[in-house]
Amino acid sequence: AQARAPLLAQMESDDERRPADAFARMLAALQAQPTWDAVSCQAELVGWPRPGMEQYVAWQNSLLSPEQMAAGRFVEIPALHQTAIFR
C-alpha cells in the first residue's frame, strides 16, 4: 500500500511518547524546517536489558544535528522509525 497522507508517524502498542506535547513539538520543528524530510526524537528503552539495542539507542541519541544524521545513515538507520515523523 502507498501512504497518501502528507505526514507519516508510527507508534506500536508498547511505545510511549513523552512528554505529552512531544508530537506537537516535533510537528512544529518539521513545519519550521521546510527542507527537512523528517524529524525524530531521542529514545529511552524500557523493559528487560538488551545490550545490543542499548548500544544502538545510545548511538542514535548521540546524533543531534541533520549533518550527524546524514553521516550516520551509512552506519545504520540513524533514527528509530517509532521516534520520527516523515514527510
Protein backbone atom coordinates (compact mmCIF):
# COMPACT_ATOMS: atom_id res chain seq x y z
CA ALA A 1 0.00 0.00 0.00
CA GLN A 2 1.09 3.54 -0.59
CA ALA A 3 0.78 6.30 2.02
CA ARG A 4 -1.46 9.19 0.94
CA ALA A 5 -1.16 11.50 3.93
CA PRO A 6 1.29 14.42 3.88
CA LEU A 7 2.94 13.10 7.07
CA LEU A 8 3.66 9.66 8.42
CA ALA A 9 4.32 8.75 12.06
CA GLN A 10 4.28 5.29 13.59
CA MET A 11 3.79 4.03 17.10
CA GLU A 12 3.39 0.45 18.21
CA SER A 13 1.21 -0.76 21.06
CA ASP A 14 4.10 -0.78 23.55
CA ASP A 15 5.51 2.64 22.58
CA GLU A 16 5.12 5.74 24.71
CA ARG A 17 5.69 9.32 23.66
CA ARG A 18 6.64 11.71 26.44
CA PRO A 19 6.15 14.49 27.30
CA ALA A 20 2.51 14.75 26.33
CA ASP A 21 3.24 17.50 23.80
CA ALA A 22 6.18 15.67 22.16
CA PHE A 23 4.28 15.01 18.92
CA ALA A 24 3.20 18.66 18.66
CA ARG A 25 6.76 19.84 19.30
CA MET A 26 8.14 17.51 16.65
CA LEU A 27 5.50 18.63 14.18
CA ALA A 28 6.32 22.30 14.87
CA ALA A 29 10.02 21.60 14.29
CA LEU A 30 9.26 19.87 10.98
CA GLN A 31 7.00 22.71 9.84
CA ALA A 32 9.67 25.26 10.77
CA GLN A 33 12.23 23.47 8.57
CA PRO A 34 10.68 23.01 5.11
CA THR A 35 13.86 21.42 3.71
CA TRP A 36 13.81 18.57 6.26
CA ASP A 37 12.35 15.22 5.20
CA ALA A 38 11.72 14.11 8.77
CA VAL A 39 12.17 14.94 12.43
CA SER A 40 12.90 12.50 15.22
CA CYS A 41 13.46 12.49 18.94
CA GLN A 42 15.65 10.61 21.35
CA ALA A 43 14.54 7.21 22.64
CA GLU A 44 14.61 5.50 26.01
CA LEU A 45 14.46 1.73 26.31
CA VAL A 46 12.23 0.17 28.92
CA GLY A 47 11.82 -3.43 29.96
CA TRP A 48 14.48 -6.11 30.02
CA PRO A 49 18.15 -5.29 29.28
CA ARG A 50 19.23 -5.77 25.67
CA PRO A 51 22.89 -4.76 25.32
CA GLY A 52 22.90 -4.54 21.52
CA MET A 53 19.77 -2.39 21.44
CA GLU A 54 21.07 -0.26 24.31
CA GLN A 55 24.22 0.47 22.27
CA TYR A 56 22.15 1.30 19.19
CA VAL A 57 19.86 3.66 21.10
CA ALA A 58 22.85 5.39 22.74
CA TRP A 59 24.39 5.89 19.29
CA GLN A 60 21.10 7.10 17.81
CA ASN A 61 20.57 9.51 20.71
CA SER A 62 24.05 10.99 20.10
CA LEU A 63 23.04 12.16 16.59
CA LEU A 64 21.68 15.63 17.27
CA SER A 65 22.10 17.56 14.02
CA PRO A 66 20.94 17.00 10.45
CA GLU A 67 24.59 16.62 9.45
CA GLN A 68 25.17 13.89 12.04
CA MET A 69 22.02 12.10 10.95
CA ALA A 70 23.06 12.26 7.29
CA ALA A 71 26.51 10.87 8.07
CA GLY A 72 25.02 8.17 10.30
CA ARG A 73 22.88 6.75 7.50
CA PHE A 74 25.94 4.88 6.23
CA VAL A 75 26.39 3.17 9.60
CA GLU A 76 22.80 2.18 10.46
CA ILE A 77 19.35 3.74 10.41
CA PRO A 78 20.03 6.95 12.40
CA ALA A 79 16.52 7.24 13.85
CA LEU A 80 14.14 4.60 15.08
CA HIS A 81 11.02 4.85 12.95
CA GLN A 82 8.93 5.00 16.14
CA THR A 83 10.70 8.26 17.07
CA ALA A 84 10.06 10.11 13.81
CA ILE A 85 7.58 11.99 11.69
CA PHE A 86 8.25 11.76 7.94
CA ARG A 87 7.02 13.94 5.06
